[in-house]
Amino acid sequence: MSTRETVVFLICAVGTLAMSTGAFGLLAAFNRQSRGTRWAVPLVLLYSAGIVLNVAALTLAGTWYLAVPMALMLVPAEVALRRHGIGRRVDLSHFK
């Protein structure tokens, strides 16, 4: 096993751990169980970081064709953050 394979394995391991832990926040945001609290937002961000780490590791390994569909897993994270009010467009109509 080369050093490159070891690095890819470690990055994938950290990314998978972060993704599976952050999925709890993603599910809570979709089910609206965490209204009024902000504990789900860091978990959704952890899920997103796990996806990005896995995509980076798969790209580093040379299997970009496996990383592309995994990058689409970021779409539900964006929806979950919008349900919590993060990333909404600011109303600037009062500025003239």
N, C-alpha and C. Protein backbone atom coordinates (compact mmCIF):
# COMPACT_ATOMS: atom_id res chain seq x y z
N MET A 1 0.85 -1.17 0.00
CA MET A 1 0.00 0.00 0.00
C MET A 1 0.90 1.24 0.00
N SER A 2 0.65 2.11 -0.95
CA SER A 2 1.48 3.30 -1.06
C SER A 2 1.00 4.39 -0.11
N THR A 3 1.81 5.42 0.00
CA THR A 3 1.46 6.54 0.86
C THR A 3 0.22 7.26 0.34
N ARG A 4 0.12 7.36 -0.98
CA ARG A 4 -1.04 8.03 -1.58
C ARG A 4 -2.34 7.29 -1.24
N GLU A 5 -2.31 5.97 -1.31
CA GLU A 5 -3.50 5.19 -0.96
C GLU A 5 -3.86 5.34 0.50
N THR A 6 -2.85 5.44 1.36
CA THR A 6 -3.09 5.63 2.79
C THR A 6 -3.74 6.98 3.06
N VAL A 7 -3.25 8.01 2.38
CA VAL A 7 -3.82 9.35 2.55
C VAL A 7 -5.27 9.38 2.06
N VAL A 8 -5.53 8.77 0.92
CA VAL A 8 -6.89 8.72 0.39
C VAL A 8 -7.80 7.97 1.35
N PHE A 9 -7.31 6.86 1.91
CA PHE A 9 -8.10 6.10 2.87
C PHE A 9 -8.42 6.92 4.10
N LEU A 10 -7.45 7.65 4.63
CA LEU A 10 -7.68 8.44 5.84
C LEU A 10 -8.64 9.60 5.58
N ILE A 11 -8.51 10.25 4.42
CA ILE A 11 -9.43 11.34 4.09
C ILE A 11 -10.85 10.80 3.94
N CYS A 12 -11.00 9.66 3.28
CA CYS A 12 -12.32 9.05 3.12
C CYS A 12 -12.90 8.62 4.47
N ALA A 13 -12.06 8.14 5.35
CA ALA A 13 -12.54 7.71 6.67
C ALA A 13 -13.06 8.90 7.47
N VAL A 14 -12.33 10.00 7.47
CA VAL A 14 -12.77 11.20 8.20
C VAL A 14 -14.03 11.76 7.55
N GLY A 15 -14.07 11.78 6.22
CA GLY A 15 -15.24 12.29 5.51
C GLY A 15 -16.48 11.46 5.76
N THR A 16 -16.33 10.15 5.78
CA THR A 16 -17.48 9.28 6.02
C THR A 16 -17.99 9.43 7.45
N LEU A 17 -17.07 9.56 8.40
CA LEU A 17 -17.48 9.76 9.79
C LEU A 17 -18.22 11.09 9.96
N ALA A 18 -17.70 12.14 9.33
CA ALA A 18 -18.36 13.45 9.41
C ALA A 18 -19.71 13.43 8.71
N MET A 19 -19.79 12.75 7.58
CA MET A 19 -21.03 12.70 6.83
C MET A 19 -22.11 11.94 7.61
N SER A 20 -21.74 10.83 8.20
CA SER A 20 -22.75 10.04 8.92
C SER A 20 -23.18 10.72 10.22
N THR A 21 -22.29 11.46 10.86
CA THR A 21 -22.67 12.20 12.06
C THR A 21 -23.55 13.39 11.70
N GLY A 22 -23.20 14.09 10.65
CA GLY A 22 -23.97 15.27 10.24
C GLY A 22 -25.32 14.95 9.65
N ALA A 23 -25.52 13.71 9.23
CA ALA A 23 -26.81 13.33 8.65
C ALA A 23 -27.94 13.44 9.66
N PHE A 24 -27.64 13.34 10.95
CA PHE A 24 -28.68 13.52 11.97
C PHE A 24 -29.24 14.94 11.93
N GLY A 25 -28.38 15.93 11.73
CA GLY A 25 -28.85 17.31 11.61
C GLY A 25 -29.62 17.53 10.33
N LEU A 26 -29.22 16.85 9.27
CA LEU A 26 -29.92 16.97 8.00
C LEU A 26 -31.34 16.42 8.13
N LEU A 27 -31.49 15.27 8.76
CA LEU A 27 -32.81 14.68 8.96
C LEU A 27 -33.68 15.52 9.89
N ALA A 28 -33.07 16.08 10.93
CA ALA A 28 -33.83 16.94 11.84
C ALA A 28 -34.30 18.20 11.14
N ALA A 29 -33.49 18.73 10.24
CA ALA A 29 -33.89 19.93 9.51
C ALA A 29 -35.02 19.62 8.55
N PHE A 30 -34.97 18.46 7.90
CA PHE A 30 -36.04 18.10 6.97
C PHE A 30 -37.36 17.83 7.70
N ASN A 31 -37.28 17.26 8.88
CA ASN A 31 -38.49 16.97 9.65
C ASN A 31 -38.93 18.13 10.53
N ARG A 32 -38.17 19.22 10.46
CA ARG A 32 -38.45 20.44 11.24
C ARG A 32 -38.56 20.15 12.74
N GLN A 33 -37.70 19.29 13.23
CA GLN A 33 -37.69 18.95 14.65
C GLN A 33 -36.86 19.91 15.48
N SER A 34 -36.08 20.72 14.83
CA SER A 34 -35.15 21.58 15.57
C SER A 34 -35.50 23.05 15.39
N ARG A 35 -36.78 23.35 15.26
CA ARG A 35 -37.18 24.76 15.10
C ARG A 35 -36.87 25.54 16.37
N GLY A 36 -36.32 26.72 16.19
CA GLY A 36 -35.99 27.57 17.33
C GLY A 36 -34.63 27.28 17.93
N THR A 37 -34.03 26.17 17.58
CA THR A 37 -32.69 25.85 18.08
C THR A 37 -31.72 25.85 16.91
N ARG A 38 -30.48 26.02 17.22
CA ARG A 38 -29.46 26.09 16.18
C ARG A 38 -28.51 24.89 16.19
N TRP A 39 -28.86 23.82 16.88
CA TRP A 39 -27.95 22.68 16.95
C TRP A 39 -27.90 21.92 15.65
N ALA A 40 -28.90 22.05 14.79
CA ALA A 40 -28.90 21.29 13.54
C ALA A 40 -27.99 21.91 12.49
N VAL A 41 -27.80 23.21 12.55
CA VAL A 41 -27.00 23.89 11.53
C VAL A 41 -25.54 23.41 11.54
N PRO A 42 -24.87 23.32 12.70
CA PRO A 42 -23.51 22.79 12.67
C PRO A 42 -23.44 21.34 12.18
N LEU A 43 -24.48 20.56 12.47
CA LEU A 43 -24.49 19.18 11.99
C LEU A 43 -24.66 19.12 10.47
N VAL A 44 -25.47 20.00 9.91
CA VAL A 44 -25.62 20.04 8.45
C VAL A 44 -24.31 20.48 7.81
N LEU A 45 -23.63 21.43 8.44
CA LEU A 45 -22.32 21.85 7.92
C LEU A 45 -21.29 20.74 8.03
N LEU A 46 -21.38 19.93 9.08
CA LEU A 46 -20.50 18.77 9.22
C LEU A 46 -20.77 17.75 8.13
N TYR A 47 -22.04 17.55 7.81
CA TYR A 47 -22.42 16.66 6.70
C TYR A 47 -21.82 17.17 5.39
N SER A 48 -21.92 18.47 5.16
CA SER A 48 -21.37 19.05 3.93
C SER A 48 -19.85 18.90 3.87
N ALA A 49 -19.20 19.10 4.99
CA ALA A 49 -17.74 18.94 5.03
C ALA A 49 -17.34 17.50 4.76
N GLY A 50 -18.12 16.56 5.26
CA GLY A 50 -17.84 15.14 4.99
C GLY A 50 -17.98 14.80 3.52
N ILE A 51 -19.00 15.36 2.87
CA ILE A 51 -19.18 15.13 1.44
C ILE A 51 -18.00 15.71 0.67
N VAL A 52 -17.60 16.92 1.02
CA VAL A 52 -16.47 17.56 0.32
C VAL A 52 -15.19 16.77 0.52
N LEU A 53 -14.96 16.25 1.72
CA LEU A 53 -13.76 15.45 1.96
C LEU A 53 -13.78 14.16 1.14
N ASN A 54 -14.93 13.51 1.06
CA ASN A 54 -15.02 12.29 0.26
C ASN A 54 -14.83 12.57 -1.22
N VAL A 55 -15.40 13.66 -1.70
CA VAL A 55 -15.21 14.02 -3.11
C VAL A 55 -13.74 14.33 -3.39
N ALA A 56 -13.10 15.04 -2.47
CA ALA A 56 -11.68 15.36 -2.66
C ALA A 56 -10.82 14.10 -2.65
N ALA A 57 -11.13 13.17 -1.76
CA ALA A 57 -10.34 11.94 -1.68
C ALA A 57 -10.54 11.08 -2.92
N LEU A 58 -11.77 10.98 -3.40
CA LEU A 58 -12.02 10.18 -4.61
C LEU A 58 -11.38 10.82 -5.83
N THR A 59 -11.37 12.13 -5.89
CA THR A 59 -10.70 12.82 -6.99
C THR A 59 -9.19 12.61 -6.92
N LEU A 60 -8.66 12.65 -5.71
CA LEU A 60 -7.22 12.41 -5.51
C LEU A 60 -6.85 10.99 -5.90
N ALA A 61 -7.76 10.07 -5.69
CA ALA A 61 -7.51 8.68 -6.05
C ALA A 61 -7.63 8.43 -7.55
N GLY A 62 -8.14 9.42 -8.28
CA GLY A 62 -8.27 9.27 -9.72
C GLY A 62 -9.61 8.70 -10.16
N THR A 63 -10.55 8.60 -9.25
CA THR A 63 -11.87 8.07 -9.60
C THR A 63 -12.88 9.22 -9.55
N TRP A 64 -12.68 10.20 -10.40
CA TRP A 64 -13.55 11.37 -10.42
C TRP A 64 -14.97 10.98 -10.84
N TYR A 65 -15.11 9.90 -11.60
CA TYR A 65 -16.43 9.48 -12.05
C TYR A 65 -17.27 8.94 -10.89
N LEU A 66 -16.66 8.59 -9.78
CA LEU A 66 -17.39 8.25 -8.56
C LEU A 66 -17.64 9.48 -7.69
N ALA A 67 -16.79 10.48 -7.84
CA ALA A 67 -16.91 11.69 -7.03
C ALA A 67 -18.02 12.61 -7.52
N VAL A 68 -18.29 12.59 -8.83
CA VAL A 68 -19.31 13.49 -9.39
C VAL A 68 -20.70 13.21 -8.82
N PRO A 69 -21.17 11.96 -8.82
CA PRO A 69 -22.50 11.73 -8.22
C PRO A 69 -22.53 12.00 -6.72
N MET A 70 -21.40 11.80 -6.05
CA MET A 70 -21.37 12.07 -4.61
C MET A 70 -21.48 13.57 -4.35
N ALA A 71 -20.96 14.39 -5.26
CA ALA A 71 -21.07 15.84 -5.08
C ALA A 71 -22.53 16.29 -5.14
N LEU A 72 -23.37 15.54 -5.81
CA LEU A 72 -24.80 15.88 -5.86
C LEU A 72 -25.49 15.69 -4.51
N MET A 73 -24.82 15.02 -3.59
CA MET A 73 -25.38 14.85 -2.26
C MET A 73 -25.34 16.15 -1.45
N LEU A 74 -24.72 17.20 -2.00
CA LEU A 74 -24.71 18.49 -1.34
C LEU A 74 -26.02 19.25 -1.52
N VAL A 75 -26.83 18.86 -2.50
CA VAL A 75 -28.09 19.56 -2.75
C VAL A 75 -29.03 19.48 -1.55
N PRO A 76 -29.24 18.32 -0.92
CA PRO A 76 -30.12 18.30 0.27
C PRO A 76 -29.59 19.14 1.42
N ALA A 77 -28.28 19.30 1.53
CA ALA A 77 -27.73 20.13 2.60
C ALA A 77 -28.10 21.59 2.39
N GLU A 78 -28.10 22.03 1.15
CA GLU A 78 -28.48 23.41 0.85
C GLU A 78 -29.96 23.65 1.17
N VAL A 79 -30.79 22.68 0.85
CA VAL A 79 -32.21 22.78 1.16
C VAL A 79 -32.43 22.82 2.67
N ALA A 80 -31.71 21.99 3.41
CA ALA A 80 -31.84 21.96 4.87
C ALA A 80 -31.40 23.28 5.50
N LEU A 81 -30.34 23.88 4.97
CA LEU A 81 -29.90 25.16 5.51
C LEU A 81 -30.90 26.26 5.21
N ARG A 82 -31.53 26.22 4.05
CA ARG A 82 -32.55 27.23 3.73
C ARG A 82 -33.77 27.08 4.63
N ARG A 83 -34.10 25.87 5.04
CA ARG A 83 -35.23 25.67 5.96
C ARG A 83 -34.94 26.25 7.33
N HIS A 84 -33.66 26.40 7.65
CA HIS A 84 -33.28 27.01 8.93
C HIS A 84 -32.99 28.49 8.80
N GLY A 85 -33.18 29.05 7.64
CA GLY A 85 -32.98 30.49 7.46
C GLY A 85 -31.57 30.89 7.11
N ILE A 86 -30.71 29.94 6.86
CA ILE A 86 -29.34 30.25 6.47
C ILE A 86 -29.30 30.30 4.94
N GLY A 87 -28.74 31.35 4.40
CA GLY A 87 -28.62 31.44 2.95
C GLY A 87 -29.81 32.04 2.24
N ARG A 88 -30.76 32.57 3.01
CA ARG A 88 -31.89 33.25 2.37
C ARG A 88 -31.45 34.60 1.86
N ARG A 89 -32.10 35.03 0.85
CA ARG A 89 -31.74 36.33 0.28
C ARG A 89 -32.25 37.44 1.19
N VAL A 90 -31.42 38.44 1.34
CA VAL A 90 -31.75 39.56 2.19
C VAL A 90 -32.60 40.54 1.39
N ASP A 91 -33.63 41.08 2.02
CA ASP A 91 -34.49 42.04 1.36
C ASP A 91 -33.80 43.41 1.36
N LEU A 92 -33.39 43.86 0.21
CA LEU A 92 -32.71 45.13 0.08
C LEU A 92 -33.59 46.18 -0.58
N SER A 93 -34.89 45.99 -0.55
CA SER A 93 -35.79 46.91 -1.24
C SER A 93 -35.85 48.28 -0.56
N HIS A 94 -35.49 48.36 0.71
CA HIS A 94 -35.54 49.65 1.39
C HIS A 94 -34.36 50.55 1.05
N PHE A 95 -33.33 50.02 0.38
CA PHE A 95 -32.22 50.82 -0.09
C PHE A 95 -32.54 51.36 -1.47
N LYS A 96 -32.51 52.63 -1.64
CA LYS A 96 -32.83 53.25 -2.94
C LYS A 96 -31.64 53.97 -3.49
